[in-house]
C-alpha atoms as a PDB file:
ATOM      1  CA  UNK A   1       1.074   2.246  20.700  1.00  0.00           C
ATOM      2  CA  UNK A   2       0.488   4.249  17.556  1.00  0.00           C
ATOM      3  CA  UNK A   3       0.077   7.910  17.880  1.00  0.00           C
ATOM      4  CA  UNK A   4      -2.929   8.213  15.558  1.00  0.00           C
ATOM      5  CA  UNK A   5      -2.814  11.993  15.507  1.00  0.00           C
ATOM      6  CA  UNK A   6       0.585  11.959  13.925  1.00  0.00           C
ATOM      7  CA  UNK A   7      -0.442   9.553  11.166  1.00  0.00           C
ATOM      8  CA  UNK A   8      -0.473  11.217   7.644  1.00  0.00           C
ATOM      9  CA  UNK A   9       0.411  10.376   4.190  1.00  0.00           C
ATOM     10  CA  UNK A  10       4.154   9.530   3.791  1.00  0.00           C
ATOM     11  CA  UNK A  11       6.013  10.475   0.481  1.00  0.00           C
ATOM     12  CA  UNK A  12       9.014   8.873  -1.243  1.00  0.00           C
ATOM     13  CA  UNK A  13      11.815   8.645  -0.380  1.00  0.00           C
ATOM     14  CA  UNK A  14      10.761   8.293   3.418  1.00  0.00           C
ATOM     15  CA  UNK A  15      12.686   5.616   5.317  1.00  0.00           C
ATOM     16  CA  UNK A  16       9.541   4.057   6.503  1.00  0.00           C
ATOM     17  CA  UNK A  17       8.568   3.157   2.919  1.00  0.00           C
ATOM     18  CA  UNK A  18      11.935   1.549   2.154  1.00  0.00           C
ATOM     19  CA  UNK A  19      12.126  -1.120   4.825  1.00  0.00           C
ATOM     20  CA  UNK A  20      10.268  -4.406   5.632  1.00  0.00           C
ATOM     21  CA  UNK A  21       7.339  -3.600   7.933  1.00  0.00           C
ATOM     22  CA  UNK A  22       6.955  -5.282  11.409  1.00  0.00           C
ATOM     23  CA  UNK A  23       4.191  -7.901  12.074  1.00  0.00           C
ATOM     24  CA  UNK A  24       1.096  -6.512  13.827  1.00  0.00           C
ATOM     25  CA  UNK A  25       1.031  -8.214  17.468  1.00  0.00           C
ATOM     26  CA  UNK A  26      -2.263  -7.815  19.162  1.00  0.00           C
ATOM     27  CA  UNK A  27      -5.345  -6.608  17.369  1.00  0.00           C
ATOM     28  CA  UNK A  28      -6.493  -3.975  19.856  1.00  0.00           C
ATOM     29  CA  UNK A  29      -8.518  -0.838  19.837  1.00  0.00           C
ATOM     30  CA  UNK A  30      -5.372   1.136  18.874  1.00  0.00           C
ATOM     31  CA  UNK A  31      -4.994  -1.062  15.727  1.00  0.00           C
ATOM     32  CA  UNK A  32      -8.719  -0.620  14.949  1.00  0.00           C
ATOM     33  CA  UNK A  33      -8.428   3.247  15.381  1.00  0.00           C
ATOM     34  CA  UNK A  34      -5.234   3.090  13.219  1.00  0.00           C
ATOM     35  CA  UNK A  35      -7.309   1.249  10.412  1.00  0.00           C
ATOM     36  CA  UNK A  36      -9.906   4.066  10.648  1.00  0.00           C
ATOM     37  CA  UNK A  37      -7.174   6.631  10.258  1.00  0.00           C
ATOM     38  CA  UNK A  38      -5.885   4.753   7.238  1.00  0.00           C
ATOM     39  CA  UNK A  39      -9.166   4.925   5.774  1.00  0.00           C
ATOM     40  CA  UNK A  40      -9.413   8.697   6.326  1.00  0.00           C
ATOM     41  CA  UNK A  41      -5.950   9.095   4.702  1.00  0.00           C
ATOM     42  CA  UNK A  42      -6.739   6.840   1.633  1.00  0.00           C
ATOM     43  CA  UNK A  43     -10.198   8.349   1.124  1.00  0.00           C
ATOM     44  CA  UNK A  44      -9.022  11.886   1.666  1.00  0.00           C
ATOM     45  CA  UNK A  45      -6.354  11.272  -1.130  1.00  0.00           C
ATOM     46  CA  UNK A  46      -8.795   9.466  -3.404  1.00  0.00           C
ATOM     47  CA  UNK A  47      -6.878   6.287  -3.325  1.00  0.00           C
ATOM     48  CA  UNK A  48      -8.205   2.679  -3.484  1.00  0.00           C
ATOM     49  CA  UNK A  49      -5.520   1.237  -1.077  1.00  0.00           C
ATOM     50  CA  UNK A  50      -3.011   2.143   1.595  1.00  0.00           C
ATOM     51  CA  UNK A  51      -0.477   0.301   3.439  1.00  0.00           C
ATOM     52  CA  UNK A  52       0.479   1.138   7.080  1.00  0.00           C
ATOM     53  CA  UNK A  53       4.054   2.476   5.990  1.00  0.00           C
ATOM     54  CA  UNK A  54       2.294   4.886   3.784  1.00  0.00           C
ATOM     55  CA  UNK A  55       0.733   6.344   6.922  1.00  0.00           C
ATOM     56  CA  UNK A  56       4.047   6.401   8.681  1.00  0.00           C
ATOM     57  CA  UNK A  57       3.711   3.241  10.623  1.00  0.00           C
ATOM     58  CA  UNK A  58       5.914   0.232   9.937  1.00  0.00           C
ATOM     59  CA  UNK A  59       3.416  -2.482  10.341  1.00  0.00           C
ATOM     60  CA  UNK A  60       2.383  -5.362   8.225  1.00  0.00           C
ATOM     61  CA  UNK A  61      -1.071  -3.941   7.435  1.00  0.00           C
ATOM     62  CA  UNK A  62      -2.981  -2.723   4.437  1.00  0.00           C
ATOM     63  CA  UNK A  63      -6.384  -1.631   3.220  1.00  0.00           C
ATOM     64  CA  UNK A  64      -8.363  -1.817  -0.089  1.00  0.00           C
ATOM     65  CA  UNK A  65     -11.417  -0.197  -1.341  1.00  0.00           C
ATOM     66  CA  UNK A  66     -11.816  -0.605  -5.120  1.00  0.00           C
ATOM     67  CA  UNK A  67     -14.981   1.653  -5.065  1.00  0.00           C
ATOM     68  CA  UNK A  68     -13.153   4.244  -2.773  1.00  0.00           C
ATOM     69  CA  UNK A  69     -15.804   3.890   0.090  1.00  0.00           C
ATOM     70  CA  UNK A  70     -15.408   3.308   3.899  1.00  0.00           C
ATOM     71  CA  UNK A  71     -18.256   0.777   3.752  1.00  0.00           C
ATOM     72  CA  UNK A  72     -16.328  -1.517   1.246  1.00  0.00           C
ATOM     73  CA  UNK A  73     -12.853  -1.148   2.610  1.00  0.00           C
ATOM     74  CA  UNK A  74     -11.080  -4.421   3.569  1.00  0.00           C
ATOM     75  CA  UNK A  75      -8.408  -4.481   6.126  1.00  0.00           C
ATOM     76  CA  UNK A  76      -5.572  -7.075   5.666  1.00  0.00           C
ATOM     77  CA  UNK A  77      -3.343  -7.622   8.788  1.00  0.00           C
ATOM     78  CA  UNK A  78      -0.118  -9.816   8.657  1.00  0.00           C
ATOM     79  CA  UNK A  79      -0.873 -10.783   5.080  1.00  0.00           C
ATOM     80  CA  UNK A  80       0.830 -13.546   2.975  1.00  0.00           C
ATOM     81  CA  UNK A  81       0.434 -13.381  -0.947  1.00  0.00           C
ATOM     82  CA  UNK A  82       0.379 -16.064  -3.574  1.00  0.00           C
ATOM     83  CA  UNK A  83       0.722 -14.394  -7.211  1.00  0.00           C
ATOM     84  CA  UNK A  84      -0.791 -16.524  -9.726  1.00  0.00           C
ATOM     85  CA  UNK A  85      -1.105 -16.567 -13.563  1.00  0.00           C
ATOM     86  CA  UNK A  86       0.823 -14.545 -16.093  1.00  0.00           C
ATOM     87  CA  UNK A  87       2.246 -11.126 -15.800  1.00  0.00           C
ATOM     88  CA  UNK A  88       0.378  -8.146 -17.137  1.00  0.00           C
ATOM     89  CA  UNK A  89       1.676  -4.562 -17.429  1.00  0.00           C
ATOM     90  CA  UNK A  90      -0.589  -1.683 -16.614  1.00  0.00           C
ATOM     91  CA  UNK A  91      -0.343   1.833 -15.407  1.00  0.00           C
ATOM     92  CA  UNK A  92      -0.165   2.441 -11.758  1.00  0.00           C
ATOM     93  CA  UNK A  93       0.004   5.439  -9.486  1.00  0.00           C
ATOM     94  CA  UNK A  94       0.806   5.583  -5.650  1.00  0.00           C
ATOM     95  CA  UNK A  95      -0.348   8.125  -3.049  1.00  0.00           C
ATOM     96  CA  UNK A  96       3.334   8.079  -1.545  1.00  0.00           C
ATOM     97  CA  UNK A  97       4.850   8.985  -5.111  1.00  0.00           C
ATOM     98  CA  UNK A  98       2.367  11.635  -6.108  1.00  0.00           C
ATOM     99  CA  UNK A  99       2.516  12.842  -9.810  1.00  0.00           C
ATOM    100  CA  UNK A 100       4.140   9.577 -11.064  1.00  0.00           C
ATOM    101  CA  UNK A 101       2.029   7.216 -13.066  1.00  0.00           C
ATOM    102  CA  UNK A 102       3.965   4.329 -14.785  1.00  0.00           C
ATOM    103  CA  UNK A 103       3.563   0.773 -16.279  1.00  0.00           C
ATOM    104  CA  UNK A 104       4.139  -1.768 -13.681  1.00  0.00           C
ATOM    105  CA  UNK A 105       4.229  -5.594 -14.414  1.00  0.00           C
ATOM    106  CA  UNK A 106       2.246  -7.642 -11.939  1.00  0.00           C
ATOM    107  CA  UNK A 107       0.552 -11.053 -11.993  1.00  0.00           C
ATOM    108  CA  UNK A 108      -2.884 -11.102 -13.283  1.00  0.00           C
ATOM    109  CA  UNK A 109      -4.384 -13.005 -10.294  1.00  0.00           C
ATOM    110  CA  UNK A 110      -3.321 -13.578  -6.649  1.00  0.00           C
ATOM    111  CA  UNK A 111      -4.614 -14.682  -3.356  1.00  0.00           C
ATOM    112  CA  UNK A 112      -3.926 -13.053   0.071  1.00  0.00           C
ATOM    113  CA  UNK A 113      -4.379 -14.632   3.347  1.00  0.00           C
ATOM    114  CA  UNK A 114      -4.619 -12.341   6.371  1.00  0.00           C
ATOM    115  CA  UNK A 115      -6.316 -11.477   9.530  1.00  0.00           C
ATOM    116  CA  UNK A 116      -9.085  -9.052   9.898  1.00  0.00           C
ATOM    117  CA  UNK A 117      -9.902  -6.472  12.758  1.00  0.00           C
ATOM    118  CA  UNK A 118     -11.930  -9.176  14.637  1.00  0.00           C
ATOM    119  CA  UNK A 119      -8.778 -11.456  14.688  1.00  0.00           C
ATOM    120  CA  UNK A 120     -10.371 -13.895  12.142  1.00  0.00           C
ATOM    121  CA  UNK A 121      -8.179 -15.272   9.421  1.00  0.00           C
ATOM    122  CA  UNK A 122      -9.389 -15.159   5.816  1.00  0.00           C
ATOM    123  CA  UNK A 123      -8.117 -15.820   2.373  1.00  0.00           C
ATOM    124  CA  UNK A 124      -9.182 -13.538  -0.608  1.00  0.00           C
ATOM    125  CA  UNK A 125      -8.441 -14.226  -4.221  1.00  0.00           C
ATOM    126  CA  UNK A 126      -8.639 -11.562  -6.965  1.00  0.00           C
ATOM    127  CA  UNK A 127      -7.874 -10.676 -10.471  1.00  0.00           C
ATOM    128  CA  UNK A 128      -7.403  -7.497 -12.600  1.00  0.00           C
ATOM    129  CA  UNK A 129      -7.528  -4.293 -10.506  1.00  0.00           C
ATOM    130  CA  UNK A 130      -8.131  -6.082  -7.188  1.00  0.00           C
ATOM    131  CA  UNK A 131      -5.144  -8.481  -7.717  1.00  0.00           C
ATOM    132  CA  UNK A 132      -3.081  -5.450  -8.693  1.00  0.00           C
ATOM    133  CA  UNK A 133      -4.038  -3.432  -5.686  1.00  0.00           C
ATOM    134  CA  UNK A 134      -3.234  -6.543  -3.346  1.00  0.00           C
ATOM    135  CA  UNK A 135       0.232  -6.798  -4.819  1.00  0.00           C
ATOM    136  CA  UNK A 136       0.950  -3.172  -4.729  1.00  0.00           C
ATOM    137  CA  UNK A 137       0.024  -2.818  -1.121  1.00  0.00           C
ATOM    138  CA  UNK A 138       1.839  -5.905  -0.291  1.00  0.00           C
ATOM    139  CA  UNK A 139       4.989  -4.360  -1.960  1.00  0.00           C
ATOM    140  CA  UNK A 140       4.593  -1.487   0.573  1.00  0.00           C
ATOM    141  CA  UNK A 141       4.854  -3.699   3.487  1.00  0.00           C
ATOM    142  CA  UNK A 142       7.921  -5.448   2.013  1.00  0.00           C
ATOM    143  CA  UNK A 143       9.600  -1.914   1.652  1.00  0.00           C
ATOM    144  CA  UNK A 144       9.082  -1.703  -2.171  1.00  0.00           C
ATOM    145  CA  UNK A 145       7.576   1.173  -3.889  1.00  0.00           C
ATOM    146  CA  UNK A 146       6.560   1.657  -7.614  1.00  0.00           C
ATOM    147  CA  UNK A 147       9.964   3.668  -7.983  1.00  0.00           C
ATOM    148  CA  UNK A 148      11.766   0.308  -7.311  1.00  0.00           C
ATOM    149  CA  UNK A 149       9.393  -1.467  -9.751  1.00  0.00           C
ATOM    150  CA  UNK A 150       9.669   0.970 -12.722  1.00  0.00           C
ATOM    151  CA  UNK A 151      11.967   0.480 -15.462  1.00  0.00           C
ATOM    152  CA  UNK A 152      14.989   2.722 -16.438  1.00  0.00           C
ATOM    153  CA  UNK A 153      13.015   4.641 -19.175  1.00  0.00           C
ATOM    154  CA  UNK A 154      10.264   5.375 -16.578  1.00  0.00           C
ATOM    155  CA  UNK A 155      12.781   6.572 -14.140  1.00  0.00           C
ATOM    156  CA  UNK A 156      14.150   8.901 -16.780  1.00  0.00           C
ATOM    157  CA  UNK A 157      10.696  10.110 -17.625  1.00  0.00           C
ATOM    158  CA  UNK A 158       9.929  10.772 -14.144  1.00  0.00           C
ATOM    159  CA  UNK A 159      13.188  12.043 -12.862  1.00  0.00           C
ATOM    160  CA  UNK A 160      12.167  15.554 -12.256  1.00  0.00           C
ATOM    161  CA  UNK A 161       9.252  14.589 -10.060  1.00  0.00           C
ATOM    162  CA  UNK A 162      11.239  11.948  -8.124  1.00  0.00           C
ATOM    163  CA  UNK A 163      13.890  14.817  -7.612  1.00  0.00           C
ATOM    164  CA  UNK A 164      11.281  17.304  -6.274  1.00  0.00           C
ATOM    165  CA  UNK A 165      10.040  14.585  -3.815  1.00  0.00           C
ATOM    166  CA  UNK A 166      13.586  13.825  -2.698  1.00  0.00           C
ATOM    167  CA  UNK A 167      14.079  17.664  -2.203  1.00  0.00           C
ATOM    168  CA  UNK A 168      10.821  18.037  -0.357  1.00  0.00           C
ATOM    169  CA  UNK A 169      11.800  15.253   1.929  1.00  0.00           C
ATOM    170  CA  UNK A 170      14.935  17.216   3.314  1.00  0.00           C
END
């Protein structure tokens, strides 16, 4: 049972961000309320995506809304991903790593098969920003943040901000 009241944005280097999330079992009212809380957190932080570990819950679930609206938010439960096409490097930020924007290499296209809040399976394909967002959020449920994806030069460039986040976590 998820304590919805305790869910809030989780920052690097929180342990929940560094481990592979557990599959969602039954899609019940608690999971649906959690999805609503995730939307509140994402929209309240001006994000376009949020994974359950970013809300402090180690479950294989994420949400995406490219236009930053509740109405267009899509919920992905227990997703699998198939990256396609060549790699493209573009600047990314992350709500769990505030103040850090860095070039991350991702596939130009991908497709994700997941379950929605009604228990229906679906497959969604995307390219550009949508593909990037799906890959970014999928990384979160695998225990990977942009800190692990950034190159050594970017780590040096952002070392002060990363140290500040590490200090704040103690």
